[in-house]
PDB file of N, CA and C in Angstrom:
ATOM      1  N   MET A   1      13.284  -3.934  -2.623  1.00  0.00           N
ATOM      2  CA  MET A   1      14.143  -5.054  -2.935  1.00  0.00           C
ATOM      3  C   MET A   1      13.248  -6.238  -3.275  1.00  0.00           C
ATOM      4  N   SER A   2      13.503  -6.870  -4.407  1.00  0.00           N
ATOM      5  CA  SER A   2      12.689  -8.009  -4.803  1.00  0.00           C
ATOM      6  C   SER A   2      13.112  -9.242  -4.019  1.00  0.00           C
ATOM      7  N   GLU A   3      12.283 -10.273  -4.067  1.00  0.00           N
ATOM      8  CA  GLU A   3      12.581 -11.520  -3.363  1.00  0.00           C
ATOM      9  C   GLU A   3      13.884 -12.123  -3.859  1.00  0.00           C
ATOM     10  N   ASN A   4      14.119 -12.061  -5.188  1.00  0.00           N
ATOM     11  CA  ASN A   4      15.359 -12.602  -5.744  1.00  0.00           C
ATOM     12  C   ASN A   4      16.571 -11.841  -5.238  1.00  0.00           C
ATOM     13  N   GLU A   5      16.466 -10.518  -5.155  1.00  0.00           N
ATOM     14  CA  GLU A   5      17.585  -9.710  -4.667  1.00  0.00           C
ATOM     15  C   GLU A   5      17.911 -10.052  -3.216  1.00  0.00           C
ATOM     16  N   SER A   6      16.877 -10.244  -2.394  1.00  0.00           N
ATOM     17  CA  SER A   6      17.140 -10.550  -0.997  1.00  0.00           C
ATOM     18  C   SER A   6      17.764 -11.934  -0.854  1.00  0.00           C
ATOM     19  N   LYS A   7      17.386 -12.887  -1.709  1.00  0.00           N
ATOM     20  CA  LYS A   7      18.008 -14.213  -1.670  1.00  0.00           C
ATOM     21  C   LYS A   7      19.469 -14.132  -2.095  1.00  0.00           C
ATOM     22  N   GLN A   8      19.764 -13.312  -3.108  1.00  0.00           N
ATOM     23  CA  GLN A   8      21.132 -13.180  -3.588  1.00  0.00           C
ATOM     24  C   GLN A   8      22.032 -12.565  -2.530  1.00  0.00           C
ATOM     25  N   GLN A   9      21.503 -11.654  -1.729  1.00  0.00           N
ATOM     26  CA  GLN A   9      22.296 -10.994  -0.701  1.00  0.00           C
ATOM     27  C   GLN A   9      22.312 -11.782   0.603  1.00  0.00           C
ATOM     28  N   GLY A  10      21.595 -12.885   0.674  1.00  0.00           N
ATOM     29  CA  GLY A  10      21.580 -13.703   1.871  1.00  0.00           C
ATOM     30  C   GLY A  10      20.740 -13.128   2.999  1.00  0.00           C
ATOM     31  N   LEU A  11      19.828 -12.220   2.694  1.00  0.00           N
ATOM     32  CA  LEU A  11      18.975 -11.628   3.721  1.00  0.00           C
ATOM     33  C   LEU A  11      17.919 -12.632   4.144  1.00  0.00           C
ATOM     34  N   GLN A  12      17.807 -12.828   5.433  1.00  0.00           N
ATOM     35  CA  GLN A  12      16.773 -13.714   5.953  1.00  0.00           C
ATOM     36  C   GLN A  12      15.754 -12.881   6.710  1.00  0.00           C
ATOM     37  N   LEU A  13      14.496 -13.139   6.444  1.00  0.00           N
ATOM     38  CA  LEU A  13      13.420 -12.411   7.100  1.00  0.00           C
ATOM     39  C   LEU A  13      12.689 -13.329   8.056  1.00  0.00           C
ATOM     40  N   GLU A  14      12.375 -12.796   9.222  1.00  0.00           N
ATOM     41  CA  GLU A  14      11.555 -13.529  10.178  1.00  0.00           C
ATOM     42  C   GLU A  14      10.147 -12.966  10.099  1.00  0.00           C
ATOM     43  N   LEU A  15       9.162 -13.826   9.982  1.00  0.00           N
ATOM     44  CA  LEU A  15       7.765 -13.403   9.904  1.00  0.00           C
ATOM     45  C   LEU A  15       7.034 -13.939  11.127  1.00  0.00           C
ATOM     46  N   PRO A  16       6.894 -13.107  12.157  1.00  0.00           N
ATOM     47  CA  PRO A  16       6.197 -13.555  13.365  1.00  0.00           C
ATOM     48  C   PRO A  16       4.752 -13.952  13.051  1.00  0.00           C
ATOM     49  N   GLN A  17       4.235 -14.894  13.810  1.00  0.00           N
ATOM     50  CA  GLN A  17       2.885 -15.421  13.585  1.00  0.00           C
ATOM     51  C   GLN A  17       1.829 -14.316  13.616  1.00  0.00           C
ATOM     52  N   ASP A  18       1.938 -13.367  14.545  1.00  0.00           N
ATOM     53  CA  ASP A  18       0.914 -12.323  14.655  1.00  0.00           C
ATOM     54  C   ASP A  18       0.952 -11.350  13.481  1.00  0.00           C
ATOM     55  N   VAL A  19       2.068 -11.268  12.780  1.00  0.00           N
ATOM     56  CA  VAL A  19       2.192 -10.391  11.616  1.00  0.00           C
ATOM     57  C   VAL A  19       1.828 -11.143  10.330  1.00  0.00           C
ATOM     58  N   ALA A  20       2.003 -12.451  10.330  1.00  0.00           N
ATOM     59  CA  ALA A  20       1.801 -13.274   9.133  1.00  0.00           C
ATOM     60  C   ALA A  20       0.376 -13.187   8.589  1.00  0.00           C
ATOM     61  N   GLN A  21      -0.600 -12.957   9.452  1.00  0.00           N
ATOM     62  CA  GLN A  21      -1.990 -12.868   9.002  1.00  0.00           C
ATOM     63  C   GLN A  21      -2.252 -11.590   8.218  1.00  0.00           C
ATOM     64  N   GLY A  22      -1.442 -10.557   8.433  1.00  0.00           N
ATOM     65  CA  GLY A  22      -1.603  -9.301   7.723  1.00  0.00           C
ATOM     66  C   GLY A  22      -2.790  -8.500   8.227  1.00  0.00           C
ATOM     67  N   GLU A  23      -2.945  -7.323   7.691  1.00  0.00           N
ATOM     68  CA  GLU A  23      -4.066  -6.433   7.988  1.00  0.00           C
ATOM     69  C   GLU A  23      -4.654  -5.983   6.658  1.00  0.00           C
ATOM     70  N   TYR A  24      -5.968  -6.038   6.537  1.00  0.00           N
ATOM     71  CA  TYR A  24      -6.626  -5.554   5.335  1.00  0.00           C
ATOM     72  C   TYR A  24      -6.722  -4.038   5.409  1.00  0.00           C
ATOM     73  N   ALA A  25      -6.312  -3.368   4.351  1.00  0.00           N
ATOM     74  CA  ALA A  25      -6.431  -1.916   4.262  1.00  0.00           C
ATOM     75  C   ALA A  25      -6.928  -1.563   2.862  1.00  0.00           C
ATOM     76  N   ASN A  26      -7.863  -0.627   2.784  1.00  0.00           N
ATOM     77  CA  ASN A  26      -8.345  -0.177   1.479  1.00  0.00           C
ATOM     78  C   ASN A  26      -8.142   1.320   1.291  1.00  0.00           C
ATOM     79  N   LEU A  27      -7.273   1.895   2.125  1.00  0.00           N
ATOM     80  CA  LEU A  27      -6.942   3.308   2.022  1.00  0.00           C
ATOM     81  C   LEU A  27      -5.519   3.508   2.540  1.00  0.00           C
ATOM     82  N   ALA A  28      -4.723   4.249   1.810  1.00  0.00           N
ATOM     83  CA  ALA A  28      -3.387   4.622   2.274  1.00  0.00           C
ATOM     84  C   ALA A  28      -3.284   6.140   2.211  1.00  0.00           C
ATOM     85  N   ILE A  29      -2.823   6.720   3.294  1.00  0.00           N
ATOM     86  CA  ILE A  29      -2.613   8.161   3.357  1.00  0.00           C
ATOM     87  C   ILE A  29      -1.119   8.382   3.498  1.00  0.00           C
ATOM     88  N   ILE A  30      -0.555   9.172   2.603  1.00  0.00           N
ATOM     89  CA  ILE A  30       0.892   9.373   2.568  1.00  0.00           C
ATOM     90  C   ILE A  30       1.200  10.832   2.881  1.00  0.00           C
ATOM     91  N   THR A  31       2.068  11.033   3.861  1.00  0.00           N
ATOM     92  CA  THR A  31       2.554  12.369   4.194  1.00  0.00           C
ATOM     93  C   THR A  31       4.075  12.310   4.231  1.00  0.00           C
ATOM     94  N   HIS A  32       4.707  13.476   4.171  1.00  0.00           N
ATOM     95  CA  HIS A  32       6.168  13.473   4.192  1.00  0.00           C
ATOM     96  C   HIS A  32       6.715  14.754   4.813  1.00  0.00           C
ATOM     97  N   ALA A  33       7.928  14.643   5.281  1.00  0.00           N
ATOM     98  CA  ALA A  33       8.731  15.771   5.746  1.00  0.00           C
ATOM     99  C   ALA A  33      10.049  15.660   4.992  1.00  0.00           C
ATOM    100  N   SER A  34      11.005  16.514   5.309  1.00  0.00           N
ATOM    101  CA  SER A  34      12.270  16.471   4.575  1.00  0.00           C
ATOM    102  C   SER A  34      13.045  15.177   4.818  1.00  0.00           C
ATOM    103  N   SER A  35      12.829  14.543   5.962  1.00  0.00           N
ATOM    104  CA  SER A  35      13.643  13.377   6.312  1.00  0.00           C
ATOM    105  C   SER A  35      12.942  12.037   6.169  1.00  0.00           C
ATOM    106  N   ASP A  36      11.600  12.019   6.043  1.00  0.00           N
ATOM    107  CA  ASP A  36      10.919  10.732   5.955  1.00  0.00           C
ATOM    108  C   ASP A  36       9.525  10.848   5.353  1.00  0.00           C
ATOM    109  N   PHE A  37       9.006   9.697   4.972  1.00  0.00           N
ATOM    110  CA  PHE A  37       7.636   9.548   4.489  1.00  0.00           C
ATOM    111  C   PHE A  37       6.891   8.714   5.517  1.00  0.00           C
ATOM    112  N   VAL A  38       5.636   9.050   5.733  1.00  0.00           N
ATOM    113  CA  VAL A  38       4.786   8.280   6.628  1.00  0.00           C
ATOM    114  C   VAL A  38       3.614   7.771   5.796  1.00  0.00           C
ATOM    115  N   ILE A  39       3.420   6.457   5.834  1.00  0.00           N
ATOM    116  CA  ILE A  39       2.298   5.852   5.115  1.00  0.00           C
ATOM    117  C   ILE A  39       1.392   5.208   6.157  1.00  0.00           C
ATOM    118  N   ASP A  40       0.171   5.724   6.261  1.00  0.00           N
ATOM    119  CA  ASP A  40      -0.836   5.146   7.144  1.00  0.00           C
ATOM    120  C   ASP A  40      -1.763   4.292   6.298  1.00  0.00           C
ATOM    121  N   PHE A  41      -1.892   3.024   6.674  1.00  0.00           N
ATOM    122  CA  PHE A  41      -2.800   2.109   6.002  1.00  0.00           C
ATOM    123  C   PHE A  41      -4.048   1.990   6.865  1.00  0.00           C
ATOM    124  N   ALA A  42      -5.203   2.279   6.257  1.00  0.00           N
ATOM    125  CA  ALA A  42      -6.458   2.310   7.001  1.00  0.00           C
ATOM    126  C   ALA A  42      -7.505   1.434   6.340  1.00  0.00           C
ATOM    127  N   ARG A  43      -8.535   1.163   7.117  1.00  0.00           N
ATOM    128  CA  ARG A  43      -9.668   0.382   6.634  1.00  0.00           C
ATOM    129  C   ARG A  43     -10.910   1.239   6.741  1.00  0.00           C
ATOM    130  N   VAL A  44     -11.585   1.441   5.604  1.00  0.00           N
ATOM    131  CA  VAL A  44     -12.843   2.187   5.557  1.00  0.00           C
ATOM    132  C   VAL A  44     -13.961   1.183   5.323  1.00  0.00           C
ATOM    133  N   LEU A  45     -14.976   1.233   6.171  1.00  0.00           N
ATOM    134  CA  LEU A  45     -16.097   0.307   6.046  1.00  0.00           C
ATOM    135  C   LEU A  45     -17.386   1.080   5.820  1.00  0.00           C
ATOM    136  N   PRO A  46     -18.298   0.541   5.011  1.00  0.00           N
ATOM    137  CA  PRO A  46     -19.577   1.210   4.776  1.00  0.00           C
ATOM    138  C   PRO A  46     -20.333   1.416   6.091  1.00  0.00           C
ATOM    139  N   GLY A  47     -20.905   2.591   6.240  1.00  0.00           N
ATOM    140  CA  GLY A  47     -21.694   2.877   7.430  1.00  0.00           C
ATOM    141  C   GLY A  47     -20.878   3.263   8.651  1.00  0.00           C
ATOM    142  N   VAL A  48     -19.564   3.231   8.541  1.00  0.00           N
ATOM    143  CA  VAL A  48     -18.701   3.613   9.662  1.00  0.00           C
ATOM    144  C   VAL A  48     -18.082   4.962   9.317  1.00  0.00           C
ATOM    145  N   PRO A  49     -18.360   5.999  10.112  1.00  0.00           N
ATOM    146  CA  PRO A  49     -17.925   7.346   9.737  1.00  0.00           C
ATOM    147  C   PRO A  49     -16.422   7.582   9.831  1.00  0.00           C
ATOM    148  N   LYS A  50     -15.698   6.768  10.593  1.00  0.00           N
ATOM    149  CA  LYS A  50     -14.257   6.959  10.749  1.00  0.00           C
ATOM    150  C   LYS A  50     -13.496   5.784  10.160  1.00  0.00           C
ATOM    151  N   ALA A  51     -12.430   6.125   9.427  1.00  0.00           N
ATOM    152  CA  ALA A  51     -11.518   5.085   8.952  1.00  0.00           C
ATOM    153  C   ALA A  51     -10.548   4.782  10.079  1.00  0.00           C
ATOM    154  N   GLN A  52     -10.253   3.499  10.285  1.00  0.00           N
ATOM    155  CA  GLN A  52      -9.346   3.112  11.353  1.00  0.00           C
ATOM    156  C   GLN A  52      -7.971   2.785  10.773  1.00  0.00           C
ATOM    157  N   VAL A  53      -6.943   3.486  11.262  1.00  0.00           N
ATOM    158  CA  VAL A  53      -5.580   3.197  10.818  1.00  0.00           C
ATOM    159  C   VAL A  53      -5.174   1.855  11.412  1.00  0.00           C
ATOM    160  N   LYS A  54      -4.743   0.943  10.547  1.00  0.00           N
ATOM    161  CA  LYS A  54      -4.357  -0.392  10.968  1.00  0.00           C
ATOM    162  C   LYS A  54      -2.848  -0.554  11.072  1.00  0.00           C
ATOM    163  N   SER A  55      -2.119   0.276  10.325  1.00  0.00           N
ATOM    164  CA  SER A  55      -0.667   0.162  10.341  1.00  0.00           C
ATOM    165  C   SER A  55      -0.056   1.466   9.863  1.00  0.00           C
ATOM    166  N   ARG A  56       1.082   1.832  10.440  1.00  0.00           N
ATOM    167  CA  ARG A  56       1.826   3.013  10.013  1.00  0.00           C
ATOM    168  C   ARG A  56       3.243   2.557   9.700  1.00  0.00           C
ATOM    169  N   VAL A  57       3.723   2.968   8.521  1.00  0.00           N
ATOM    170  CA  VAL A  57       5.087   2.642   8.108  1.00  0.00           C
ATOM    171  C   VAL A  57       5.814   3.954   7.849  1.00  0.00           C
ATOM    172  N   ILE A  58       6.985   4.104   8.452  1.00  0.00           N
ATOM    173  CA  ILE A  58       7.791   5.309   8.293  1.00  0.00           C
ATOM    174  C   ILE A  58       9.057   4.915   7.534  1.00  0.00           C
ATOM    175  N   LEU A  59       9.315   5.613   6.418  1.00  0.00           N
ATOM    176  CA  LEU A  59      10.426   5.264   5.535  1.00  0.00           C
ATOM    177  C   LEU A  59      11.269   6.483   5.198  1.00  0.00           C
ATOM    178  N   ALA A  60      12.557   6.247   5.007  1.00  0.00           N
ATOM    179  CA  ALA A  60      13.448   7.284   4.485  1.00  0.00           C
ATOM    180  C   ALA A  60      13.091   7.516   3.017  1.00  0.00           C
ATOM    181  N   PRO A  61      13.305   8.722   2.495  1.00  0.00           N
ATOM    182  CA  PRO A  61      12.969   9.005   1.097  1.00  0.00           C
ATOM    183  C   PRO A  61      13.593   8.006   0.111  1.00  0.00           C
ATOM    184  N   GLU A  62      14.817   7.595   0.354  1.00  0.00           N
ATOM    185  CA  GLU A  62      15.472   6.630  -0.543  1.00  0.00           C
ATOM    186  C   GLU A  62      14.729   5.301  -0.562  1.00  0.00           C
ATOM    187  N   HIS A  63      14.227   4.869   0.595  1.00  0.00           N
ATOM    188  CA  HIS A  63      13.502   3.603   0.649  1.00  0.00           C
ATOM    189  C   HIS A  63      12.141   3.710  -0.029  1.00  0.00           C
ATOM    190  N   VAL A  64      11.517   4.895   0.049  1.00  0.00           N
ATOM    191  CA  VAL A  64      10.245   5.099  -0.639  1.00  0.00           C
ATOM    192  C   VAL A  64      10.450   4.971  -2.146  1.00  0.00           C
ATOM    193  N   LYS A  65      11.543   5.535  -2.635  1.00  0.00           N
ATOM    194  CA  LYS A  65      11.815   5.453  -4.074  1.00  0.00           C
ATOM    195  C   LYS A  65      12.075   4.002  -4.486  1.00  0.00           C
ATOM    196  N   ARG A  66      12.782   3.249  -3.642  1.00  0.00           N
ATOM    197  CA  ARG A  66      12.991   1.811  -3.917  1.00  0.00           C
ATOM    198  C   ARG A  66      11.666   1.050  -3.877  1.00  0.00           C
ATOM    199  N   LEU A  67      10.813   1.392  -2.919  1.00  0.00           N
ATOM    200  CA  LEU A  67       9.501   0.757  -2.828  1.00  0.00           C
ATOM    201  C   LEU A  67       8.677   1.039  -4.073  1.00  0.00           C
ATOM    202  N   LEU A  68       8.696   2.285  -4.537  1.00  0.00           N
ATOM    203  CA  LEU A  68       7.973   2.646  -5.754  1.00  0.00           C
ATOM    204  C   LEU A  68       8.448   1.811  -6.936  1.00  0.00           C
ATOM    205  N   ALA A  69       9.759   1.675  -7.100  1.00  0.00           N
ATOM    206  CA  ALA A  69      10.311   0.882  -8.205  1.00  0.00           C
ATOM    207  C   ALA A  69       9.907  -0.579  -8.076  1.00  0.00           C
ATOM    208  N   ALA A  70       9.952  -1.122  -6.866  1.00  0.00           N
ATOM    209  CA  ALA A  70       9.571  -2.520  -6.653  1.00  0.00           C
ATOM    210  C   ALA A  70       8.088  -2.730  -6.934  1.00  0.00           C
ATOM    211  N   LEU A  71       7.247  -1.773  -6.527  1.00  0.00           N
ATOM    212  CA  LEU A  71       5.813  -1.878  -6.811  1.00  0.00           C
ATOM    213  C   LEU A  71       5.547  -1.814  -8.314  1.00  0.00           C
ATOM    214  N   GLN A  72       6.225  -0.893  -9.010  1.00  0.00           N
ATOM    215  CA  GLN A  72       6.038  -0.781 -10.459  1.00  0.00           C
ATOM    216  C   GLN A  72       6.436  -2.085 -11.152  1.00  0.00           C
ATOM    217  N   GLU A  73       7.561  -2.658 -10.745  1.00  0.00           N
ATOM    218  CA  GLU A  73       8.019  -3.927 -11.340  1.00  0.00           C
ATOM    219  C   GLU A  73       7.014  -5.044 -11.078  1.00  0.00           C
ATOM    220  N   ASN A  74       6.501  -5.120  -9.860  1.00  0.00           N
ATOM    221  CA  ASN A  74       5.557  -6.178  -9.526  1.00  0.00           C
ATOM    222  C   ASN A  74       4.205  -5.976 -10.188  1.00  0.00           C
ATOM    223  N   ILE A  75       3.774  -4.738 -10.361  1.00  0.00           N
ATOM    224  CA  ILE A  75       2.525  -4.486 -11.089  1.00  0.00           C
ATOM    225  C   ILE A  75       2.671  -4.917 -12.542  1.00  0.00           C
ATOM    226  N   MET A  76       3.825  -4.623 -13.156  1.00  0.00           N
ATOM    227  CA  MET A  76       4.052  -5.059 -14.543  1.00  0.00           C
ATOM    228  C   MET A  76       3.981  -6.582 -14.639  1.00  0.00           C
ATOM    229  N   ARG A  77       4.596  -7.280 -13.709  1.00  0.00           N
ATOM    230  CA  ARG A  77       4.553  -8.751 -13.708  1.00  0.00           C
ATOM    231  C   ARG A  77       3.126  -9.259 -13.524  1.00  0.00           C
ATOM    232  N   TYR A  78       2.410  -8.667 -12.580  1.00  0.00           N
ATOM    233  CA  TYR A  78       1.032  -9.055 -12.309  1.00  0.00           C
ATOM    234  C   TYR A  78       0.180  -8.888 -13.562  1.00  0.00           C
ATOM    235  N   GLU A  79       0.284  -7.716 -14.207  1.00  0.00           N
ATOM    236  CA  GLU A  79      -0.542  -7.439 -15.376  1.00  0.00           C
ATOM    237  C   GLU A  79      -0.165  -8.322 -16.556  1.00  0.00           C
ATOM    238  N   ARG A  80       1.093  -8.691 -16.666  1.00  0.00           N
ATOM    239  CA  ARG A  80       1.479  -9.642 -17.722  1.00  0.00           C
ATOM    240  C   ARG A  80       0.795 -10.985 -17.503  1.00  0.00           C
ATOM    241  N   GLU A  81       0.677 -11.395 -16.252  1.00  0.00           N
ATOM    242  CA  GLU A  81       0.089 -12.699 -15.944  1.00  0.00           C
ATOM    243  C   GLU A  81      -1.435 -12.674 -15.907  1.00  0.00           C
ATOM    244  N   PHE A  82      -2.025 -11.620 -15.331  1.00  0.00           N
ATOM    245  CA  PHE A  82      -3.463 -11.606 -15.079  1.00  0.00           C
ATOM    246  C   PHE A  82      -4.244 -10.560 -15.867  1.00  0.00           C
ATOM    247  N   GLY A  83      -3.561  -9.695 -16.588  1.00  0.00           N
ATOM    248  CA  GLY A  83      -4.237  -8.650 -17.335  1.00  0.00           C
ATOM    249  C   GLY A  83      -4.220  -7.324 -16.588  1.00  0.00           C
ATOM    250  N   PRO A  84      -4.633  -6.258 -17.258  1.00  0.00           N
ATOM    251  CA  PRO A  84      -4.557  -4.916 -16.677  1.00  0.00           C
ATOM    252  C   PRO A  84      -5.407  -4.771 -15.412  1.00  0.00           C
ATOM    253  N   ILE A  85      -4.897  -4.007 -14.486  1.00  0.00           N
ATOM    254  CA  ILE A  85      -5.648  -3.641 -13.287  1.00  0.00           C
ATOM    255  C   ILE A  85      -6.428  -2.387 -13.644  1.00  0.00           C
ATOM    256  N   ARG A  86      -7.726  -2.456 -13.520  1.00  0.00           N
ATOM    257  CA  ARG A  86      -8.585  -1.326 -13.876  1.00  0.00           C
ATOM    258  C   ARG A  86      -8.921  -0.527 -12.624  1.00  0.00           C
ATOM    259  N   ILE A  87      -8.834   0.789 -12.730  1.00  0.00           N
ATOM    260  CA  ILE A  87      -9.210   1.687 -11.646  1.00  0.00           C
ATOM    261  C   ILE A  87     -10.191   2.705 -12.230  1.00  0.00           C
ATOM    262  N   PRO A  88     -11.490   2.400 -12.200  1.00  0.00           N
ATOM    263  CA  PRO A  88     -12.486   3.279 -12.819  1.00  0.00           C
ATOM    264  C   PRO A  88     -12.472   4.695 -12.254  1.00  0.00           C
ATOM    265  N   GLN A  89     -12.202   4.884 -10.961  1.00  0.00           N
ATOM    266  CA  GLN A  89     -12.230   6.212 -10.365  1.00  0.00           C
ATOM    267  C   GLN A  89     -11.170   7.121 -10.974  1.00  0.00           C
ATOM    268  N   GLN A  90     -10.034   6.588 -11.384  1.00  0.00           N
ATOM    269  CA  GLN A  90      -9.002   7.420 -11.990  1.00  0.00           C
ATOM    270  C   GLN A  90      -9.489   7.991 -13.312  1.00  0.00           C
ATOM    271  N   GLU A  91     -10.287   7.238 -14.029  1.00  0.00           N
ATOM    272  CA  GLU A  91     -10.836   7.710 -15.289  1.00  0.00           C
ATOM    273  C   GLU A  91     -11.809   8.861 -15.059  1.00  0.00           C
ATOM    274  N   GLN A  92     -12.390   8.915 -13.848  1.00  0.00           N
ATOM    275  CA  GLN A  92     -13.336   9.980 -13.512  1.00  0.00           C
ATOM    276  C   GLN A  92     -12.657  11.113 -12.747  1.00  0.00           C
ATOM    277  N   GLY A  93     -11.348  11.030 -12.534  1.00  0.00           N
ATOM    278  CA  GLY A  93     -10.627  12.117 -11.891  1.00  0.00           C
ATOM    279  C   GLY A  93     -10.313  11.922 -10.426  1.00  0.00           C
ATOM    280  N   GLY A  94     -10.708  10.818  -9.807  1.00  0.00           N
ATOM    281  CA  GLY A  94     -10.419  10.577  -8.388  1.00  0.00           C
ATOM    282  C   GLY A  94      -9.481   9.400  -8.212  1.00  0.00           C
ATOM    283  N   ILE A  95      -8.956   9.243  -7.002  1.00  0.00           N
ATOM    284  CA  ILE A  95      -8.091   8.096  -6.757  1.00  0.00           C
ATOM    285  C   ILE A  95      -8.630   7.181  -5.670  1.00  0.00           C
ATOM    286  N   ALA A  96      -9.515   7.680  -4.814  1.00  0.00           N
ATOM    287  CA  ALA A  96     -10.070   6.840  -3.755  1.00  0.00           C
ATOM    288  C   ALA A  96     -11.127   5.913  -4.347  1.00  0.00           C
ATOM    289  N   PRO A  97     -11.201   4.662  -3.861  1.00  0.00           N
ATOM    290  CA  PRO A  97     -12.184   3.721  -4.397  1.00  0.00           C
ATOM    291  C   PRO A  97     -13.574   3.904  -3.812  1.00  0.00           C
ATOM    292  N   PHE A  98     -13.799   5.014  -3.106  1.00  0.00           N
ATOM    293  CA  PHE A  98     -15.077   5.252  -2.464  1.00  0.00           C
ATOM    294  C   PHE A  98     -15.194   6.742  -2.195  1.00  0.00           C
ATOM    295  N   GLU A  99     -16.379   7.191  -1.850  1.00  0.00           N
ATOM    296  CA  GLU A  99     -16.614   8.594  -1.540  1.00  0.00           C
ATOM    297  C   GLU A  99     -16.396   8.809  -0.057  1.00  0.00           C
ATOM    298  N   LEU A 100     -15.393   9.595   0.319  1.00  0.00           N
ATOM    299  CA  LEU A 100     -15.048   9.785   1.726  1.00  0.00           C
ATOM    300  C   LEU A 100     -15.985  10.717   2.466  1.00  0.00           C
ATOM    301  N   THR A 101     -16.714  11.547   1.758  1.00  0.00           N
ATOM    302  CA  THR A 101     -17.565  12.529   2.446  1.00  0.00           C
ATOM    303  C   THR A 101     -18.944  11.994   2.737  1.00  0.00           C
ATOM    304  N   LYS A 102     -19.312  10.875   2.199  1.00  0.00           N
ATOM    305  CA  LYS A 102     -20.638  10.313   2.431  1.00  0.00           C
ATOM    306  C   LYS A 102     -20.577   9.265   3.525  1.00  0.00           C
ATOM    307  N   GLY A 103     -21.599   9.219   4.330  1.00  0.00           N
ATOM    308  CA  GLY A 103     -21.721   8.166   5.326  1.00  0.00           C
ATOM    309  C   GLY A 103     -23.033   7.471   5.135  1.00  0.00           C
ATOM    310  N   GLU A 104     -23.045   6.181   5.364  1.00  0.00           N
ATOM    311  CA  GLU A 104     -24.274   5.417   5.250  1.00  0.00           C
ATOM    312  C   GLU A 104     -24.554   4.751   6.577  1.00  0.00           C
ATOM    313  N   ALA A 105     -25.819   4.626   6.899  1.00  0.00           N
ATOM    314  CA  ALA A 105     -26.188   3.948   8.152  1.00  0.00           C
ATOM    315  C   ALA A 105     -26.708   2.572   7.853  1.00  0.00           C
TER     316      ALA A 105
END
């Protein structure tokens, strides 16, 4: 749901102070079952062998599809304003922005 849609429907959101700062994540792992999708947002740091999950979001399939549409719409808006988002790894056949099997000390 876009910000405009939520305003039109009169939805009010509360943003607690501890959530307002957000969590940085540079990896998302998505799994699913017949009834829901689970998205784990993690942070991978150089020299650290384990990625730490910072947040887990569980969504119904219908909400995942709405999220996908909202993300696509917002990416189009972003790219219209700031230019294309480049993902060099996709051009090379991968989707992760780093090599998960290598560790550095």
